[in-house]
Amino acid sequence: MTMPTNRVDRDKGQARRQQILEAAEACFRRRGFQGASVAEICKGAGVSAGHLYHFYDSKEAIIAAIVQRDLEEKLEMLEQLSQRPDITSAMIDEVDEGVSEHMDNPGTGLMLEVMAEASRNPKVAEMVHRSDATARAKLAETVAKAKECDPASPQLAAEVEVMIALFEGLSTRAICNPDLDRDAVAGVMRRMIRHILET
């Protein structure tokens, strides 16, 4: 059976969009956002500048796509955790994965580039702020469900900030101290997350 032309075109467009995104990510990791040129991204993706601009009208639009994808992954993970019978145990069980994601994943370097750009580019800062607010709200909802407490309480908001900081801080620690004992760190993280969730 032949697929409808519009679906074929949509699938091709999605594949090309992903191809450009992957090439841009590789360039951003190598050269930083400011150092990566559109020409270099086009070369990596095997497309012309005109083709790239058909999908992303600027480097900022590419960053927006990276931020959105990161947000969607977080929301999906939190939704899955929130459906588990014992959310507290499920979140603690995911700590090792979270530690690996933030210490061994090349994508963490990319997100540090995004954060650096957000510190000097108001448009990127706005994207990051919106994404962070959405992810924080979902995490607060999940933690509140686990603790059976008010998701809008200031105490919970502070606990959520600390949980996020614990994991996001590992990205810079892995760069500063690449010999960190991941297993030992994960053990400490499990105890800290358990304390937050059970008090």
N, C-alpha and C. Protein backbone atom coordinates (compact mmCIF):
# COMPACT_ATOMS: atom_id res chain seq x y z
N MET A 1 0.85 -1.19 0.00
CA MET A 1 0.00 0.00 0.00
C MET A 1 0.89 1.25 0.00
N THR A 2 0.56 2.20 -0.85
CA THR A 2 1.33 3.43 -0.95
C THR A 2 0.84 4.45 0.07
N MET A 3 1.77 5.06 0.80
CA MET A 3 1.38 6.08 1.77
C MET A 3 0.96 7.35 1.05
N PRO A 4 0.01 8.11 1.62
CA PRO A 4 -0.39 9.38 1.01
C PRO A 4 0.81 10.30 0.86
N THR A 5 0.82 11.09 -0.22
CA THR A 5 1.95 11.97 -0.50
C THR A 5 2.24 12.92 0.64
N ASN A 6 1.19 13.48 1.25
CA ASN A 6 1.43 14.44 2.34
C ASN A 6 2.11 13.79 3.54
N ARG A 7 1.80 12.51 3.79
CA ARG A 7 2.46 11.81 4.90
C ARG A 7 3.91 11.53 4.56
N VAL A 8 4.17 11.14 3.33
CA VAL A 8 5.56 10.90 2.89
C VAL A 8 6.37 12.18 3.02
N ASP A 9 5.78 13.28 2.55
CA ASP A 9 6.48 14.58 2.63
C ASP A 9 6.73 14.97 4.08
N ARG A 10 5.73 14.71 4.95
CA ARG A 10 5.87 15.04 6.36
C ARG A 10 6.99 14.22 7.00
N ASP A 11 7.04 12.92 6.67
CA ASP A 11 8.08 12.05 7.23
C ASP A 11 9.46 12.48 6.74
N LYS A 12 9.55 12.83 5.45
CA LYS A 12 10.83 13.28 4.90
C LYS A 12 11.27 14.58 5.56
N GLY A 13 10.29 15.47 5.75
CA GLY A 13 10.60 16.74 6.39
C GLY A 13 11.08 16.55 7.82
N GLN A 14 10.44 15.64 8.53
CA GLN A 14 10.83 15.36 9.91
C GLN A 14 12.24 14.76 9.96
N ALA A 15 12.52 13.86 9.03
CA ALA A 15 13.86 13.25 8.98
C ALA A 15 14.92 14.31 8.67
N ARG A 16 14.62 15.21 7.74
CA ARG A 16 15.58 16.25 7.39
C ARG A 16 15.77 17.24 8.55
N ARG A 17 14.68 17.54 9.24
CA ARG A 17 14.75 18.44 10.40
C ARG A 17 15.66 17.82 11.48
N GLN A 18 15.50 16.51 11.71
CA GLN A 18 16.32 15.82 12.70
C GLN A 18 17.78 15.78 12.27
N GLN A 19 18.00 15.59 10.98
CA GLN A 19 19.36 15.55 10.43
C GLN A 19 20.07 16.90 10.67
N ILE A 20 19.36 17.98 10.43
CA ILE A 20 19.93 19.32 10.65
C ILE A 20 20.18 19.54 12.14
N LEU A 21 19.24 19.12 12.96
CA LEU A 21 19.37 19.30 14.41
C LEU A 21 20.59 18.56 14.94
N GLU A 22 20.80 17.33 14.49
CA GLU A 22 21.95 16.55 14.95
C GLU A 22 23.26 17.19 14.52
N ALA A 23 23.29 17.70 13.28
CA ALA A 23 24.51 18.37 12.79
C ALA A 23 24.78 19.64 13.60
N ALA A 24 23.72 20.38 13.90
CA ALA A 24 23.88 21.61 14.69
C ALA A 24 24.38 21.29 16.10
N GLU A 25 23.83 20.25 16.69
CA GLU A 25 24.26 19.87 18.05
C GLU A 25 25.74 19.53 18.07
N ALA A 26 26.20 18.79 17.06
CA ALA A 26 27.62 18.43 16.98
C ALA A 26 28.48 19.68 16.86
N CYS A 27 28.02 20.64 16.05
CA CYS A 27 28.77 21.90 15.89
C CYS A 27 28.78 22.70 17.18
N PHE A 28 27.63 22.78 17.84
CA PHE A 28 27.55 23.55 19.09
C PHE A 28 28.46 22.95 20.15
N ARG A 29 28.53 21.60 20.20
CA ARG A 29 29.40 20.96 21.19
C ARG A 29 30.87 21.24 20.89
N ARG A 30 31.22 21.26 19.61
CA ARG A 30 32.63 21.49 19.23
C ARG A 30 33.04 22.93 19.38
N ARG A 31 32.17 23.85 18.96
CA ARG A 31 32.57 25.25 18.83
C ARG A 31 31.79 26.23 19.70
N GLY A 32 30.77 25.74 20.39
CA GLY A 32 29.92 26.65 21.12
C GLY A 32 28.90 27.28 20.18
N PHE A 33 27.88 27.87 20.76
CA PHE A 33 26.82 28.46 19.94
C PHE A 33 27.35 29.60 19.08
N GLN A 34 28.17 30.47 19.69
CA GLN A 34 28.68 31.61 18.95
C GLN A 34 29.67 31.20 17.87
N GLY A 35 30.46 30.17 18.15
CA GLY A 35 31.49 29.77 17.20
C GLY A 35 30.99 28.92 16.04
N ALA A 36 29.84 28.29 16.20
CA ALA A 36 29.30 27.42 15.14
C ALA A 36 28.66 28.29 14.05
N SER A 37 29.07 28.09 12.83
CA SER A 37 28.50 28.86 11.71
C SER A 37 27.40 28.07 11.02
N VAL A 38 26.50 28.80 10.36
CA VAL A 38 25.45 28.15 9.59
C VAL A 38 26.06 27.30 8.49
N ALA A 39 27.14 27.80 7.90
CA ALA A 39 27.81 27.05 6.81
C ALA A 39 28.31 25.70 7.32
N GLU A 40 28.87 25.70 8.52
CA GLU A 40 29.39 24.46 9.10
C GLU A 40 28.25 23.49 9.41
N ILE A 41 27.14 24.03 9.92
CA ILE A 41 25.99 23.18 10.22
C ILE A 41 25.45 22.58 8.92
N CYS A 42 25.35 23.40 7.88
CA CYS A 42 24.86 22.92 6.58
C CYS A 42 25.76 21.82 6.03
N LYS A 43 27.07 22.00 6.17
CA LYS A 43 28.01 20.99 5.68
C LYS A 43 27.82 19.68 6.45
N GLY A 44 27.67 19.78 7.77
CA GLY A 44 27.47 18.58 8.58
C GLY A 44 26.18 17.86 8.25
N ALA A 45 25.15 18.63 7.90
CA ALA A 45 23.84 18.04 7.60
C ALA A 45 23.71 17.64 6.14
N GLY A 46 24.63 18.12 5.30
CA GLY A 46 24.55 17.83 3.87
C GLY A 46 23.40 18.56 3.18
N VAL A 47 23.14 19.79 3.62
CA VAL A 47 22.05 20.58 3.02
C VAL A 47 22.57 21.97 2.67
N SER A 48 21.81 22.66 1.84
CA SER A 48 22.15 24.04 1.51
C SER A 48 21.62 24.97 2.60
N ALA A 49 22.13 26.21 2.61
CA ALA A 49 21.64 27.18 3.58
C ALA A 49 20.15 27.43 3.39
N GLY A 50 19.72 27.47 2.15
CA GLY A 50 18.30 27.68 1.87
C GLY A 50 17.44 26.58 2.44
N HIS A 51 17.95 25.35 2.34
CA HIS A 51 17.20 24.21 2.88
C HIS A 51 17.16 24.29 4.40
N LEU A 52 18.28 24.66 5.02
CA LEU A 52 18.30 24.78 6.48
C LEU A 52 17.29 25.83 6.94
N TYR A 53 17.29 26.98 6.26
CA TYR A 53 16.39 28.06 6.67
C TYR A 53 14.92 27.73 6.42
N HIS A 54 14.68 26.74 5.57
CA HIS A 54 13.30 26.29 5.37
C HIS A 54 12.76 25.66 6.66
N PHE A 55 13.64 25.00 7.40
CA PHE A 55 13.23 24.32 8.63
C PHE A 55 13.49 25.15 9.89
N TYR A 56 14.62 25.85 9.90
CA TYR A 56 14.99 26.67 11.07
C TYR A 56 15.45 28.03 10.55
N ASP A 57 14.75 29.08 10.95
CA ASP A 57 15.06 30.39 10.37
C ASP A 57 16.26 31.08 11.01
N SER A 58 16.85 30.46 12.04
CA SER A 58 18.03 31.04 12.70
C SER A 58 18.66 29.98 13.60
N LYS A 59 19.86 30.29 14.09
CA LYS A 59 20.47 29.40 15.07
C LYS A 59 19.64 29.37 16.35
N GLU A 60 19.00 30.48 16.67
CA GLU A 60 18.15 30.52 17.85
C GLU A 60 16.98 29.54 17.72
N ALA A 61 16.46 29.40 16.50
CA ALA A 61 15.36 28.45 16.27
C ALA A 61 15.84 27.02 16.50
N ILE A 62 17.09 26.76 16.17
CA ILE A 62 17.65 25.44 16.42
C ILE A 62 17.76 25.20 17.93
N ILE A 63 18.22 26.22 18.65
CA ILE A 63 18.30 26.09 20.11
C ILE A 63 16.91 25.87 20.69
N ALA A 64 15.91 26.57 20.15
CA ALA A 64 14.54 26.39 20.63
C ALA A 64 14.11 24.94 20.46
N ALA A 65 14.48 24.31 19.34
CA ALA A 65 14.13 22.91 19.10
C ALA A 65 14.85 22.00 20.09
N ILE A 66 16.10 22.30 20.41
CA ILE A 66 16.85 21.50 21.38
C ILE A 66 16.20 21.61 22.76
N VAL A 67 15.86 22.83 23.16
CA VAL A 67 15.23 23.07 24.46
C VAL A 67 13.88 22.35 24.54
N GLN A 68 13.10 22.42 23.44
CA GLN A 68 11.79 21.78 23.42
C GLN A 68 11.91 20.26 23.53
N ARG A 69 12.87 19.70 22.81
CA ARG A 69 13.06 18.25 22.87
C ARG A 69 13.47 17.81 24.27
N ASP A 70 14.36 18.59 24.91
CA ASP A 70 14.79 18.27 26.26
C ASP A 70 13.60 18.33 27.22
N LEU A 71 12.76 19.33 27.05
CA LEU A 71 11.57 19.46 27.89
C LEU A 71 10.64 18.27 27.71
N GLU A 72 10.39 17.89 26.46
CA GLU A 72 9.48 16.77 26.19
C GLU A 72 9.99 15.48 26.82
N GLU A 73 11.30 15.27 26.78
CA GLU A 73 11.87 14.07 27.40
C GLU A 73 11.67 14.09 28.92
N LYS A 74 11.86 15.25 29.54
CA LYS A 74 11.65 15.37 30.98
C LYS A 74 10.19 15.12 31.34
N LEU A 75 9.28 15.72 30.59
CA LEU A 75 7.86 15.58 30.89
C LEU A 75 7.41 14.13 30.73
N GLU A 76 7.92 13.47 29.71
CA GLU A 76 7.56 12.06 29.50
C GLU A 76 8.05 11.20 30.65
N MET A 77 9.28 11.44 31.09
CA MET A 77 9.85 10.67 32.20
C MET A 77 9.05 10.90 33.49
N LEU A 78 8.70 12.16 33.75
CA LEU A 78 7.95 12.48 34.97
C LEU A 78 6.53 11.91 34.91
N GLU A 79 5.94 11.92 33.73
CA GLU A 79 4.60 11.34 33.60
C GLU A 79 4.63 9.85 33.89
N GLN A 80 5.65 9.17 33.39
CA GLN A 80 5.78 7.74 33.67
C GLN A 80 5.97 7.49 35.16
N LEU A 81 6.80 8.29 35.81
CA LEU A 81 7.02 8.14 37.25
C LEU A 81 5.73 8.38 38.03
N SER A 82 4.95 9.38 37.60
CA SER A 82 3.74 9.74 38.34
C SER A 82 2.67 8.66 38.27
N GLN A 83 2.80 7.75 37.29
CA GLN A 83 1.82 6.67 37.15
C GLN A 83 2.21 5.41 37.91
N ARG A 84 3.40 5.40 38.50
CA ARG A 84 3.85 4.22 39.24
C ARG A 84 3.11 4.12 40.57
N PRO A 85 2.83 2.91 41.05
CA PRO A 85 2.11 2.75 42.32
C PRO A 85 2.84 3.38 43.50
N ASP A 86 4.17 3.24 43.54
CA ASP A 86 4.97 3.83 44.61
C ASP A 86 5.92 4.84 43.98
N ILE A 87 5.48 6.08 43.93
CA ILE A 87 6.26 7.11 43.22
C ILE A 87 7.60 7.35 43.90
N THR A 88 7.61 7.35 45.22
CA THR A 88 8.86 7.59 45.94
C THR A 88 9.92 6.55 45.56
N SER A 89 9.55 5.27 45.63
CA SER A 89 10.51 4.21 45.27
C SER A 89 10.92 4.33 43.80
N ALA A 90 9.96 4.67 42.94
CA ALA A 90 10.25 4.79 41.51
C ALA A 90 11.26 5.91 41.26
N MET A 91 11.09 7.04 41.95
CA MET A 91 12.01 8.17 41.76
C MET A 91 13.41 7.82 42.29
N ILE A 92 13.47 7.13 43.41
CA ILE A 92 14.77 6.73 43.96
C ILE A 92 15.44 5.72 43.03
N ASP A 93 14.65 4.83 42.46
CA ASP A 93 15.20 3.84 41.52
C ASP A 93 15.79 4.50 40.28
N GLU A 94 15.29 5.68 39.93
CA GLU A 94 15.75 6.38 38.72
C GLU A 94 16.99 7.24 38.98
N VAL A 95 17.45 7.30 40.22
CA VAL A 95 18.58 8.17 40.54
C VAL A 95 19.83 7.78 39.75
N ASP A 96 20.14 6.49 39.69
CA ASP A 96 21.35 6.05 38.96
C ASP A 96 21.31 6.52 37.51
N GLU A 97 20.13 6.37 36.91
CA GLU A 97 19.98 6.81 35.51
C GLU A 97 20.19 8.31 35.41
N GLY A 98 19.64 9.05 36.37
CA GLY A 98 19.80 10.51 36.37
C GLY A 98 21.25 10.92 36.53
N VAL A 99 21.97 10.23 37.40
CA VAL A 99 23.39 10.52 37.60
C VAL A 99 24.16 10.27 36.30
N SER A 100 23.90 9.14 35.66
CA SER A 100 24.58 8.83 34.39
C SER A 100 24.25 9.85 33.32
N GLU A 101 22.97 10.23 33.25
CA GLU A 101 22.54 11.21 32.24
C GLU A 101 23.30 12.52 32.40
N HIS A 102 23.53 12.93 33.63
CA HIS A 102 24.15 14.23 33.86
C HIS A 102 25.68 14.19 33.92
N MET A 103 26.25 13.00 34.07
CA MET A 103 27.70 12.92 34.17
C MET A 103 28.37 12.28 32.96
N ASP A 104 27.64 11.42 32.25
CA ASP A 104 28.27 10.68 31.16
C ASP A 104 27.67 10.97 29.78
N ASN A 105 26.64 11.77 29.74
CA ASN A 105 25.92 12.01 28.50
C ASN A 105 26.52 13.21 27.76
N PRO A 106 26.96 13.04 26.49
CA PRO A 106 27.51 14.18 25.77
C PRO A 106 26.50 15.32 25.62
N GLY A 107 25.21 14.99 25.72
CA GLY A 107 24.18 16.02 25.61
C GLY A 107 24.21 17.03 26.73
N THR A 108 24.81 16.66 27.88
CA THR A 108 24.86 17.62 28.99
C THR A 108 25.75 18.80 28.63
N GLY A 109 26.82 18.55 27.89
CA GLY A 109 27.68 19.64 27.43
C GLY A 109 26.91 20.59 26.53
N LEU A 110 26.04 20.03 25.72
CA LEU A 110 25.21 20.84 24.84
C LEU A 110 24.28 21.73 25.65
N MET A 111 23.67 21.18 26.71
CA MET A 111 22.77 21.98 27.52
C MET A 111 23.53 23.07 28.27
N LEU A 112 24.79 22.81 28.63
CA LEU A 112 25.59 23.86 29.24
C LEU A 112 25.84 24.99 28.25
N GLU A 113 26.00 24.66 26.97
CA GLU A 113 26.13 25.68 25.93
C GLU A 113 24.86 26.52 25.84
N VAL A 114 23.72 25.84 25.93
CA VAL A 114 22.44 26.55 25.89
C VAL A 114 22.33 27.49 27.09
N MET A 115 22.72 27.02 28.28
CA MET A 115 22.67 27.86 29.47
C MET A 115 23.59 29.08 29.32
N ALA A 116 24.78 28.85 28.76
CA ALA A 116 25.71 29.95 28.56
C ALA A 116 25.12 31.00 27.61
N GLU A 117 24.49 30.52 26.56
CA GLU A 117 23.87 31.45 25.61
C GLU A 117 22.69 32.18 26.26
N ALA A 118 21.95 31.49 27.11
CA ALA A 118 20.82 32.12 27.80
C ALA A 118 21.29 33.25 28.72
N SER A 119 22.52 33.15 29.21
CA SER A 119 23.03 34.18 30.12
C SER A 119 23.31 35.49 29.40
N ARG A 120 23.40 35.45 28.06
CA ARG A 120 23.71 36.68 27.33
C ARG A 120 22.71 37.01 26.22
N ASN A 121 21.80 36.09 25.93
CA ASN A 121 20.85 36.29 24.84
C ASN A 121 19.43 36.24 25.41
N PRO A 122 18.74 37.39 25.46
CA PRO A 122 17.40 37.42 26.07
C PRO A 122 16.39 36.47 25.42
N LYS A 123 16.49 36.26 24.11
CA LYS A 123 15.55 35.36 23.44
C LYS A 123 15.75 33.93 23.90
N VAL A 124 17.00 33.51 24.00
CA VAL A 124 17.29 32.16 24.47
C VAL A 124 16.94 32.04 25.95
N ALA A 125 17.20 33.10 26.72
CA ALA A 125 16.85 33.09 28.14
C ALA A 125 15.35 32.87 28.32
N GLU A 126 14.56 33.52 27.49
CA GLU A 126 13.10 33.37 27.59
C GLU A 126 12.68 31.93 27.30
N MET A 127 13.30 31.31 26.28
CA MET A 127 13.00 29.91 25.97
C MET A 127 13.32 29.02 27.18
N VAL A 128 14.50 29.24 27.75
CA VAL A 128 14.94 28.41 28.88
C VAL A 128 14.04 28.62 30.09
N HIS A 129 13.65 29.86 30.34
CA HIS A 129 12.77 30.15 31.49
C HIS A 129 11.43 29.44 31.34
N ARG A 130 10.85 29.52 30.13
CA ARG A 130 9.55 28.87 29.91
C ARG A 130 9.65 27.37 30.07
N SER A 131 10.69 26.78 29.48
CA SER A 131 10.89 25.34 29.58
C SER A 131 11.09 24.91 31.02
N ASP A 132 11.92 25.65 31.74
CA ASP A 132 12.21 25.31 33.12
C ASP A 132 10.95 25.41 33.98
N ALA A 133 10.14 26.43 33.75
CA ALA A 133 8.91 26.60 34.53
C ALA A 133 7.97 25.41 34.31
N THR A 134 7.88 24.95 33.07
CA THR A 134 7.00 23.82 32.76
C THR A 134 7.52 22.54 33.42
N ALA A 135 8.83 22.30 33.32
CA ALA A 135 9.41 21.10 33.92
C ALA A 135 9.32 21.15 35.44
N ARG A 136 9.56 22.32 36.03
CA ARG A 136 9.46 22.45 37.49
C ARG A 136 8.05 22.17 37.98
N ALA A 137 7.07 22.69 37.24
CA ALA A 137 5.67 22.48 37.64
C ALA A 137 5.32 21.00 37.61
N LYS A 138 5.81 20.29 36.58
CA LYS A 138 5.51 18.86 36.48
C LYS A 138 6.23 18.08 37.57
N LEU A 139 7.47 18.47 37.87
CA LEU A 139 8.19 17.80 38.95
C LEU A 139 7.51 18.06 40.29
N ALA A 140 7.08 19.29 40.51
CA ALA A 140 6.37 19.62 41.76
C ALA A 140 5.09 18.79 41.88
N GLU A 141 4.38 18.66 40.78
CA GLU A 141 3.15 17.85 40.79
C GLU A 141 3.45 16.40 41.13
N THR A 142 4.54 15.87 40.56
CA THR A 142 4.92 14.47 40.81
C THR A 142 5.36 14.27 42.26
N VAL A 143 6.19 15.18 42.76
CA VAL A 143 6.67 15.06 44.13
C VAL A 143 5.51 15.23 45.11
N ALA A 144 4.62 16.18 44.81
CA ALA A 144 3.45 16.39 45.69
C ALA A 144 2.58 15.15 45.75
N LYS A 145 2.45 14.47 44.62
CA LYS A 145 1.66 13.24 44.59
C LYS A 145 2.33 12.18 45.44
N ALA A 146 3.65 12.11 45.39
CA ALA A 146 4.39 11.13 46.19
C ALA A 146 4.26 11.43 47.68
N LYS A 147 4.33 12.72 48.03
CA LYS A 147 4.31 13.12 49.44
C LYS A 147 2.91 13.41 49.95
N GLU A 148 1.96 13.40 49.02
CA GLU A 148 0.57 13.72 49.38
C GLU A 148 0.50 15.08 50.06
N CYS A 149 1.05 16.09 49.38
CA CYS A 149 1.05 17.44 49.92
C CYS A 149 0.63 18.44 48.84
N ASP A 150 0.54 19.69 49.20
CA ASP A 150 0.10 20.75 48.29
C ASP A 150 1.21 21.06 47.28
N PRO A 151 0.96 20.91 45.97
CA PRO A 151 2.00 21.18 44.98
C PRO A 151 2.38 22.65 44.89
N ALA A 152 1.56 23.53 45.49
CA ALA A 152 1.85 24.96 45.43
C ALA A 152 2.55 25.48 46.68
N SER A 153 2.89 24.60 47.61
CA SER A 153 3.49 25.07 48.87
C SER A 153 4.92 25.58 48.64
N PRO A 154 5.32 26.67 49.32
CA PRO A 154 6.68 27.20 49.19
C PRO A 154 7.75 26.17 49.58
N GLN A 155 7.45 25.35 50.58
CA GLN A 155 8.41 24.33 51.01
C GLN A 155 8.67 23.34 49.87
N LEU A 156 7.60 22.91 49.21
CA LEU A 156 7.77 21.97 48.10
C LEU A 156 8.54 22.62 46.97
N ALA A 157 8.25 23.89 46.70
CA ALA A 157 8.97 24.60 45.64
C ALA A 157 10.47 24.60 45.92
N ALA A 158 10.84 24.83 47.18
CA ALA A 158 12.26 24.82 47.55
C ALA A 158 12.86 23.44 47.39
N GLU A 159 12.12 22.41 47.78
CA GLU A 159 12.62 21.03 47.65
C GLU A 159 12.83 20.67 46.19
N VAL A 160 11.91 21.10 45.34
CA VAL A 160 12.04 20.82 43.90
C VAL A 160 13.28 21.52 43.34
N GLU A 161 13.52 22.76 43.74
CA GLU A 161 14.71 23.48 43.27
C GLU A 161 15.98 22.75 43.68
N VAL A 162 16.01 22.25 44.91
CA VAL A 162 17.19 21.54 45.39
C VAL A 162 17.39 20.24 44.61
N MET A 163 16.30 19.52 44.35
CA MET A 163 16.41 18.28 43.57
C MET A 163 16.98 18.55 42.19
N ILE A 164 16.48 19.59 41.55
CA ILE A 164 16.97 19.94 40.21
C ILE A 164 18.45 20.33 40.28
N ALA A 165 18.78 21.16 41.27
CA ALA A 165 20.17 21.62 41.40
C ALA A 165 21.13 20.46 41.65
N LEU A 166 20.70 19.46 42.42
CA LEU A 166 21.55 18.31 42.69
C LEU A 166 21.96 17.61 41.40
N PHE A 167 20.98 17.39 40.52
CA PHE A 167 21.29 16.69 39.27
C PHE A 167 22.00 17.59 38.26
N GLU A 168 21.51 18.80 38.08
CA GLU A 168 22.13 19.67 37.08
C GLU A 168 23.55 20.03 37.47
N GLY A 169 23.81 20.12 38.77
CA GLY A 169 25.16 20.43 39.21
C GLY A 169 26.17 19.35 38.88
N LEU A 170 25.70 18.12 38.70
CA LEU A 170 26.61 17.02 38.38
C LEU A 170 27.28 17.22 37.02
N SER A 171 26.61 17.92 36.12
CA SER A 171 27.19 18.15 34.78
C SER A 171 28.48 18.95 34.88
N THR A 172 28.48 20.00 35.68
CA THR A 172 29.70 20.78 35.83
C THR A 172 30.74 20.05 36.66
N ARG A 173 30.29 19.28 37.67
CA ARG A 173 31.24 18.53 38.48
C ARG A 173 31.96 17.47 37.64
N ALA A 174 31.25 16.85 36.70
CA ALA A 174 31.87 15.84 35.84
C ALA A 174 32.94 16.45 34.95
N ILE A 175 32.76 17.72 34.58
CA ILE A 175 33.78 18.41 33.78
C ILE A 175 34.96 18.81 34.66
N CYS A 176 34.66 19.34 35.84
CA CYS A 176 35.73 19.79 36.74
C CYS A 176 36.50 18.63 37.35
N ASN A 177 35.80 17.55 37.64
CA ASN A 177 36.43 16.40 38.30
C ASN A 177 36.01 15.12 37.58
N PRO A 178 36.64 14.83 36.44
CA PRO A 178 36.23 13.66 35.64
C PRO A 178 36.47 12.32 36.32
N ASP A 179 37.23 12.32 37.42
CA ASP A 179 37.51 11.06 38.12
C ASP A 179 36.52 10.78 39.25
N LEU A 180 35.46 11.56 39.31
CA LEU A 180 34.43 11.34 40.33
C LEU A 180 33.95 9.90 40.33
N ASP A 181 33.76 9.36 41.50
CA ASP A 181 33.24 8.00 41.65
C ASP A 181 31.72 8.06 41.45
N ARG A 182 31.26 7.65 40.26
CA ARG A 182 29.83 7.74 39.92
C ARG A 182 28.96 6.93 40.88
N ASP A 183 29.41 5.74 41.22
CA ASP A 183 28.61 4.88 42.11
C ASP A 183 28.46 5.50 43.49
N ALA A 184 29.55 6.06 44.01
CA ALA A 184 29.48 6.70 45.33
C ALA A 184 28.56 7.91 45.29
N VAL A 185 28.67 8.70 44.22
CA VAL A 185 27.80 9.87 44.06
C VAL A 185 26.34 9.44 43.99
N ALA A 186 26.07 8.39 43.22
CA ALA A 186 24.69 7.91 43.09
C ALA A 186 24.14 7.47 44.44
N GLY A 187 24.97 6.82 45.26
CA GLY A 187 24.53 6.40 46.58
C GLY A 187 24.14 7.57 47.45
N VAL A 188 24.96 8.62 47.42
CA VAL A 188 24.64 9.83 48.20
C VAL A 188 23.37 10.48 47.67
N MET A 189 23.25 10.52 46.35
CA MET A 189 22.06 11.14 45.74
C MET A 189 20.79 10.38 46.14
N ARG A 190 20.86 9.06 46.16
CA ARG A 190 19.68 8.28 46.56
C ARG A 190 19.25 8.64 47.98
N ARG A 191 20.23 8.78 48.88
CA ARG A 191 19.89 9.12 50.27
C ARG A 191 19.28 10.52 50.35
N MET A 192 19.81 11.45 49.59
CA MET A 192 19.31 12.82 49.63
C MET A 192 17.90 12.92 49.04
N ILE A 193 17.67 12.25 47.93
CA ILE A 193 16.35 12.27 47.32
C ILE A 193 15.34 11.58 48.22
N ARG A 194 15.74 10.48 48.82
CA ARG A 194 14.84 9.79 49.75
C ARG A 194 14.46 10.71 50.91
N HIS A 195 15.47 11.43 51.44
CA HIS A 195 15.20 12.34 52.56
C HIS A 195 14.19 13.41 52.15
N ILE A 196 14.36 13.97 50.97
CA ILE A 196 13.42 15.00 50.50
C ILE A 196 12.03 14.43 50.34
N LEU A 197 11.93 13.24 49.76
CA LEU A 197 10.63 12.67 49.46
C LEU A 197 9.90 12.12 50.69
N GLU A 198 10.67 11.76 51.72
CA GLU A 198 10.04 11.09 52.87
C GLU A 198 9.91 12.00 54.11
N THR A 199 10.28 13.27 53.97
CA THR A 199 10.15 14.19 55.12
C THR A 199 9.20 15.32 54.77
